[in-house]
Amino acid sequence: MSIGIFDSGVGGLTVAREIRRLLPGENIIYVGDTARVPYGTKTPEELLSFAREIIQFLLSKNVKAVVIACGTSSAVTYNKLQEDFPDLPLIDVIRPGADECAALIDSNPSTRLGVIATAATIKSGLFSQLLTERCPGITIHARACPLFASMVEAGVPVNHPAVAFAAETYLADLRGKIDAIVLGCTHYPLLTSVLTATLGNVDFINIGEATAIAAKKQLARLNLLSDSGIPPTYEFYVTGPTDVFNTVGSLILGQKFKKPPRQIDLCKL
């Protein structure tokens, strides 16, 4: 059996990479909904519909758990998906990320924290809510950065002037005001160099690593960790063209795909 992972596009591969590193014996089936990217501009109803379609596809592949490797979908659909699929272990990226931030604040209460994510994630207020429940009185600088995910999906180089301009527009006024920043969208770890150029020397909180740790804990608790000893398999599916996903995805994973990503039409499944 496999771990299913999905995102709006290539960003969730940053989570898949961490899961592969932490759980090297696990099979992975990944779906990038590239035909409908970006998710940050979609309505809650649309996001829930997309997630249901993808999870049904993953269940047809006999997955044992699903990781919602998308900050937007995690913020908007997680609770409803738990109701829709009560027997399916679901791991999101927001809650593990908030837990990691809380641990950071506990160890260093003076940390000034920023959160960047898509417009939908910031609008939901979930990350700030979860963190203030754990760390009352904390001040969080939350910012929507709606163009970042689209730029990554389009394969725009991180050193392109348009990326720098977007970063300056969204975040320049936070320079010197934060010590750590949560990369609240799984596309954002690819932009750390331009974020550093804009914000200066800040610590980055990568929700992908926290999510991989949470996935391992949940699978262990449910006695679902693989112990077959058989080399794992990795399958990748996209709902749009495969060319940019293939190129950018190879960079994220640090190697070329052994099996090329396959295009699927979820509406016909």
Protein backbone atom coordinates (compact mmCIF):
# COMPACT_ATOMS: atom_id res chain seq x y z
CA MET A 1 0.00 0.00 0.00
CA SER A 2 1.04 3.59 -0.61
CA ILE A 3 0.89 7.00 0.99
CA GLY A 4 -1.19 9.34 -1.15
CA ILE A 5 -0.10 12.97 -1.41
CA PHE A 6 -1.81 15.80 -3.27
CA ASP A 7 -1.35 19.47 -3.99
CA SER A 8 -2.46 22.03 -6.55
CA GLY A 9 0.77 21.42 -8.45
CA VAL A 10 4.50 20.96 -7.85
CA GLY A 11 4.65 22.62 -4.43
CA GLY A 12 3.56 19.50 -2.58
CA LEU A 13 6.66 17.75 -3.86
CA THR A 14 8.53 19.63 -1.12
CA VAL A 15 6.41 17.58 1.30
CA ALA A 16 6.84 14.37 -0.72
CA ARG A 17 10.60 14.91 -0.61
CA GLU A 18 10.56 15.12 3.19
CA ILE A 19 8.30 12.06 3.50
CA ARG A 20 10.58 10.10 1.20
CA ARG A 21 13.58 11.13 3.32
CA LEU A 22 11.94 10.32 6.65
CA LEU A 23 10.09 7.19 5.46
CA PRO A 24 12.37 5.69 2.80
CA GLY A 25 10.52 2.39 2.71
CA GLU A 26 7.10 3.83 1.83
CA ASN A 27 5.46 3.78 -1.59
CA ILE A 28 4.17 7.18 -2.67
CA ILE A 29 1.41 8.18 -5.09
CA TYR A 30 1.37 11.90 -5.81
CA VAL A 31 -1.30 13.97 -7.55
CA GLY A 32 -0.64 17.53 -8.71
CA ASP A 33 -3.84 19.27 -9.77
CA THR A 34 -2.01 21.43 -12.29
CA ALA A 35 -5.06 21.99 -14.49
CA ARG A 36 -6.70 23.98 -11.68
CA VAL A 37 -3.72 25.69 -10.08
CA PRO A 38 -3.57 28.03 -8.18
CA TYR A 39 -5.81 26.93 -5.34
CA GLY A 40 -5.41 30.19 -3.44
CA THR A 41 -8.00 31.94 -5.61
CA LYS A 42 -10.63 29.19 -5.46
CA THR A 43 -13.79 29.15 -3.34
CA PRO A 44 -14.15 26.76 -0.39
CA GLU A 45 -16.76 24.84 -2.35
CA GLU A 46 -14.41 24.40 -5.30
CA LEU A 47 -11.53 23.35 -3.08
CA LEU A 48 -13.66 20.73 -1.33
CA SER A 49 -14.87 19.36 -4.66
CA PHE A 50 -11.30 19.13 -5.98
CA ALA A 51 -10.07 17.39 -2.83
CA ARG A 52 -12.89 14.84 -2.91
CA GLU A 53 -12.12 13.98 -6.54
CA ILE A 54 -8.42 13.55 -5.85
CA ILE A 55 -8.95 11.46 -2.73
CA GLN A 56 -11.36 9.17 -4.59
CA PHE A 57 -8.66 8.68 -7.23
CA LEU A 58 -6.06 7.93 -4.57
CA LEU A 59 -8.41 5.46 -2.88
CA SER A 60 -8.79 3.69 -6.22
CA LYS A 61 -5.02 3.20 -6.01
CA ASN A 62 -5.41 1.57 -2.58
CA VAL A 63 -3.62 4.20 -0.51
CA LYS A 64 -3.46 3.70 3.25
CA ALA A 65 -3.30 7.40 4.15
CA VAL A 66 -3.51 10.79 2.42
CA VAL A 67 -1.34 13.83 3.01
CA ILE A 68 -2.93 17.14 2.01
CA ALA A 69 0.32 18.76 0.87
CA CYS A 70 -1.34 22.10 0.17
CA GLY A 71 -1.67 24.90 2.69
CA THR A 72 -4.82 26.25 1.10
CA SER A 73 -6.65 22.93 0.99
CA SER A 74 -5.43 22.09 4.49
CA ALA A 75 -6.83 25.34 5.85
CA VAL A 76 -10.17 25.15 4.06
CA THR A 77 -11.11 21.47 3.56
CA TYR A 78 -9.46 19.37 6.27
CA ASN A 79 -12.31 19.22 8.77
CA LYS A 80 -14.93 18.42 6.14
CA LEU A 81 -12.72 15.78 4.53
CA GLN A 82 -12.38 14.06 7.90
CA GLU A 83 -16.17 13.82 7.99
CA ASP A 84 -16.34 12.58 4.39
CA PHE A 85 -13.60 9.95 4.82
CA PRO A 86 -13.78 8.92 8.50
CA ASP A 87 -11.77 5.71 8.03
CA LEU A 88 -8.94 7.32 6.07
CA PRO A 89 -5.94 8.72 7.96
CA LEU A 90 -5.54 12.33 6.81
CA ILE A 91 -2.54 14.52 7.51
CA ASP A 92 -2.56 18.21 6.65
CA VAL A 93 0.28 20.75 6.59
CA ILE A 94 -1.20 23.55 8.71
CA ARG A 95 -1.55 21.80 12.05
CA PRO A 96 1.95 20.24 12.08
CA GLY A 97 3.34 23.62 11.02
CA ALA A 98 1.54 25.35 13.88
CA ASP A 99 2.87 22.75 16.31
CA GLU A 100 6.43 23.40 15.16
CA CYS A 101 5.95 27.15 15.56
CA ALA A 102 4.54 26.68 19.06
CA ALA A 103 7.60 24.64 20.00
CA LEU A 104 9.82 27.42 18.67
CA ILE A 105 7.94 30.06 20.68
CA ASP A 106 8.07 27.87 23.81
CA SER A 107 11.85 27.65 23.50
CA ASN A 108 12.30 31.34 22.63
CA PRO A 109 9.28 33.45 23.66
CA SER A 110 10.76 36.63 22.21
CA THR A 111 10.63 35.25 18.64
CA ARG A 112 8.83 37.61 16.28
CA LEU A 113 6.89 35.48 13.83
CA GLY A 114 5.66 36.01 10.29
CA VAL A 115 3.41 33.78 8.21
CA ILE A 116 3.15 33.90 4.42
CA ALA A 117 0.65 31.87 2.43
CA THR A 118 -1.98 32.10 -0.28
CA ALA A 119 -4.85 34.54 0.04
CA ALA A 120 -7.28 31.74 0.95
CA THR A 121 -5.04 30.39 3.71
CA ILE A 122 -4.49 33.81 5.24
CA LYS A 123 -8.20 34.64 4.98
CA SER A 124 -9.09 31.44 6.83
CA GLY A 125 -7.09 32.67 9.83
CA LEU A 126 -6.50 29.06 10.84
CA PHE A 127 -2.77 29.21 11.35
CA SER A 128 -2.97 32.28 13.57
CA GLN A 129 -5.89 30.75 15.47
CA LEU A 130 -4.07 27.50 16.17
CA LEU A 131 -0.92 29.28 17.24
CA THR A 132 -2.58 31.82 19.51
CA GLU A 133 -4.42 28.96 21.23
CA ARG A 134 -1.03 27.43 22.03
CA CYS A 135 0.80 30.72 22.64
CA PRO A 136 -1.64 33.35 23.98
CA GLY A 137 -0.61 36.93 23.41
CA ILE A 138 1.70 36.21 20.51
CA THR A 139 1.81 38.74 17.67
CA ILE A 140 1.84 37.22 14.19
CA HIS A 141 2.51 39.14 10.99
CA ALA A 142 0.43 37.29 8.39
CA ARG A 143 0.72 38.13 4.70
CA ALA A 144 -0.92 36.79 1.56
CA CYS A 145 1.50 36.33 -1.34
CA PRO A 146 -0.88 35.28 -4.13
CA LEU A 147 1.55 35.35 -7.07
CA PHE A 148 4.26 33.16 -5.59
CA ALA A 149 2.62 29.77 -6.23
CA SER A 150 1.68 30.69 -9.79
CA MET A 151 5.27 31.78 -10.51
CA VAL A 152 6.65 28.49 -9.22
CA GLU A 153 4.09 26.51 -11.22
CA ALA A 154 5.01 28.43 -14.37
CA GLY A 155 8.69 27.63 -13.86
CA VAL A 156 9.68 31.29 -13.44
CA PRO A 157 13.33 31.33 -12.25
CA VAL A 158 13.70 32.43 -8.63
CA ASN A 159 16.16 35.12 -9.70
CA HIS A 160 13.74 36.65 -12.20
CA PRO A 161 13.03 40.35 -11.55
CA ALA A 162 9.30 39.66 -11.38
CA VAL A 163 9.79 37.35 -8.39
CA ALA A 164 11.94 39.93 -6.61
CA PHE A 165 9.38 42.64 -7.34
CA ALA A 166 6.55 40.51 -5.93
CA ALA A 167 8.56 39.74 -2.80
CA GLU A 168 9.38 43.41 -2.26
CA THR A 169 5.75 44.40 -2.78
CA TYR A 170 4.39 41.83 -0.35
CA LEU A 171 7.04 41.78 2.34
CA ALA A 172 9.55 44.64 2.29
CA ASP A 173 7.91 46.45 5.21
CA LEU A 174 8.45 43.38 7.44
CA ARG A 175 12.24 43.60 7.18
CA GLY A 176 13.64 43.91 10.69
CA LYS A 177 10.26 43.16 12.28
CA ILE A 178 10.34 39.35 12.25
CA ASP A 179 12.87 36.72 13.31
CA ALA A 180 11.25 33.66 11.75
CA ILE A 181 8.75 33.15 8.97
CA VAL A 182 6.41 30.25 8.29
CA LEU A 183 6.36 29.14 4.67
CA GLY A 184 2.63 28.49 4.76
CA CYS A 185 2.39 27.29 1.17
CA THR A 186 4.34 24.24 0.05
CA HIS A 187 5.58 26.12 -3.03
CA TYR A 188 7.42 28.69 -0.93
CA PRO A 189 10.52 26.66 0.10
CA LEU A 190 11.67 27.16 -3.49
CA LEU A 191 11.79 30.93 -2.92
CA THR A 192 13.97 31.16 0.17
CA SER A 193 16.79 32.97 -1.61
CA VAL A 194 14.56 35.83 -2.76
CA LEU A 195 12.83 35.90 0.61
CA THR A 196 16.21 36.27 2.33
CA ALA A 197 17.12 39.08 -0.06
CA THR A 198 13.88 40.84 0.89
CA LEU A 199 13.65 40.12 4.62
CA GLY A 200 17.26 39.73 5.65
CA ASN A 201 18.50 36.97 7.93
CA VAL A 202 15.38 35.19 9.19
CA ASP A 203 14.70 31.56 10.08
CA PHE A 204 12.41 29.67 7.74
CA ILE A 205 9.87 27.21 9.09
CA ASN A 206 9.27 24.58 6.42
CA ILE A 207 5.90 22.97 7.02
CA GLY A 208 6.89 20.04 4.78
CA GLU A 209 9.33 18.65 7.30
CA ALA A 210 6.83 19.04 10.15
CA THR A 211 4.20 17.29 8.05
CA ALA A 212 6.49 14.34 7.31
CA ILE A 213 7.14 13.92 11.03
CA ALA A 214 3.38 14.06 11.72
CA ALA A 215 2.71 11.48 9.00
CA LYS A 216 5.27 9.10 10.45
CA LYS A 217 3.78 9.45 13.94
CA GLN A 218 0.24 8.84 12.72
CA LEU A 219 1.18 5.82 10.61
CA ALA A 220 3.16 4.37 13.51
CA ARG A 221 0.23 4.89 15.89
CA LEU A 222 -2.06 3.04 13.46
CA ASN A 223 0.52 0.32 12.83
CA LEU A 224 0.60 1.24 9.14
CA LEU A 225 4.32 1.77 8.61
CA SER A 226 5.78 -0.37 5.86
CA ASP A 227 8.07 -3.19 6.94
CA SER A 228 8.12 -5.15 3.68
CA GLY A 229 11.77 -4.52 2.87
CA ILE A 230 10.82 -4.21 -0.80
CA PRO A 231 12.23 -1.16 -2.64
CA PRO A 232 9.52 1.54 -2.70
CA THR A 233 7.71 2.75 -5.79
CA TYR A 234 6.82 6.34 -6.65
CA GLU A 235 3.98 7.32 -8.97
CA PHE A 236 3.21 10.86 -10.10
CA TYR A 237 0.01 12.11 -11.73
CA VAL A 238 -1.00 15.56 -12.95
CA THR A 239 -4.28 16.93 -14.28
CA GLY A 240 -2.62 19.31 -16.73
CA PRO A 241 0.36 19.15 -19.12
CA THR A 242 3.40 17.33 -17.77
CA ASP A 243 6.27 19.38 -19.19
CA VAL A 244 6.73 22.11 -16.55
CA PHE A 245 5.84 19.72 -13.73
CA ASN A 246 8.50 17.33 -15.01
CA THR A 247 11.15 20.06 -15.12
CA VAL A 248 10.39 21.86 -11.86
CA GLY A 249 9.54 18.64 -10.05
CA SER A 250 12.91 17.13 -10.91
CA LEU A 251 14.61 20.15 -9.36
CA ILE A 252 12.55 19.84 -6.17
CA LEU A 253 13.19 16.11 -5.79
CA GLY A 254 16.85 16.44 -6.70
CA GLN A 255 16.64 13.83 -9.45
CA LYS A 256 14.77 13.06 -12.63
CA PHE A 257 11.54 11.10 -12.42
CA LYS A 258 12.22 7.39 -12.93
CA LYS A 259 8.69 7.05 -14.29
CA PRO A 260 7.44 10.16 -16.11
CA PRO A 261 4.41 11.90 -14.56
CA ARG A 262 1.15 10.79 -16.15
CA GLN A 263 -1.70 13.12 -17.07
CA ILE A 264 -5.16 12.15 -15.81
CA ASP A 265 -8.64 13.56 -16.15
CA LEU A 266 -10.31 13.31 -12.75
CA CYS A 267 -13.72 14.11 -14.21
CA LYS A 268 -13.63 10.93 -16.29
CA LEU A 269 -12.66 8.62 -13.45
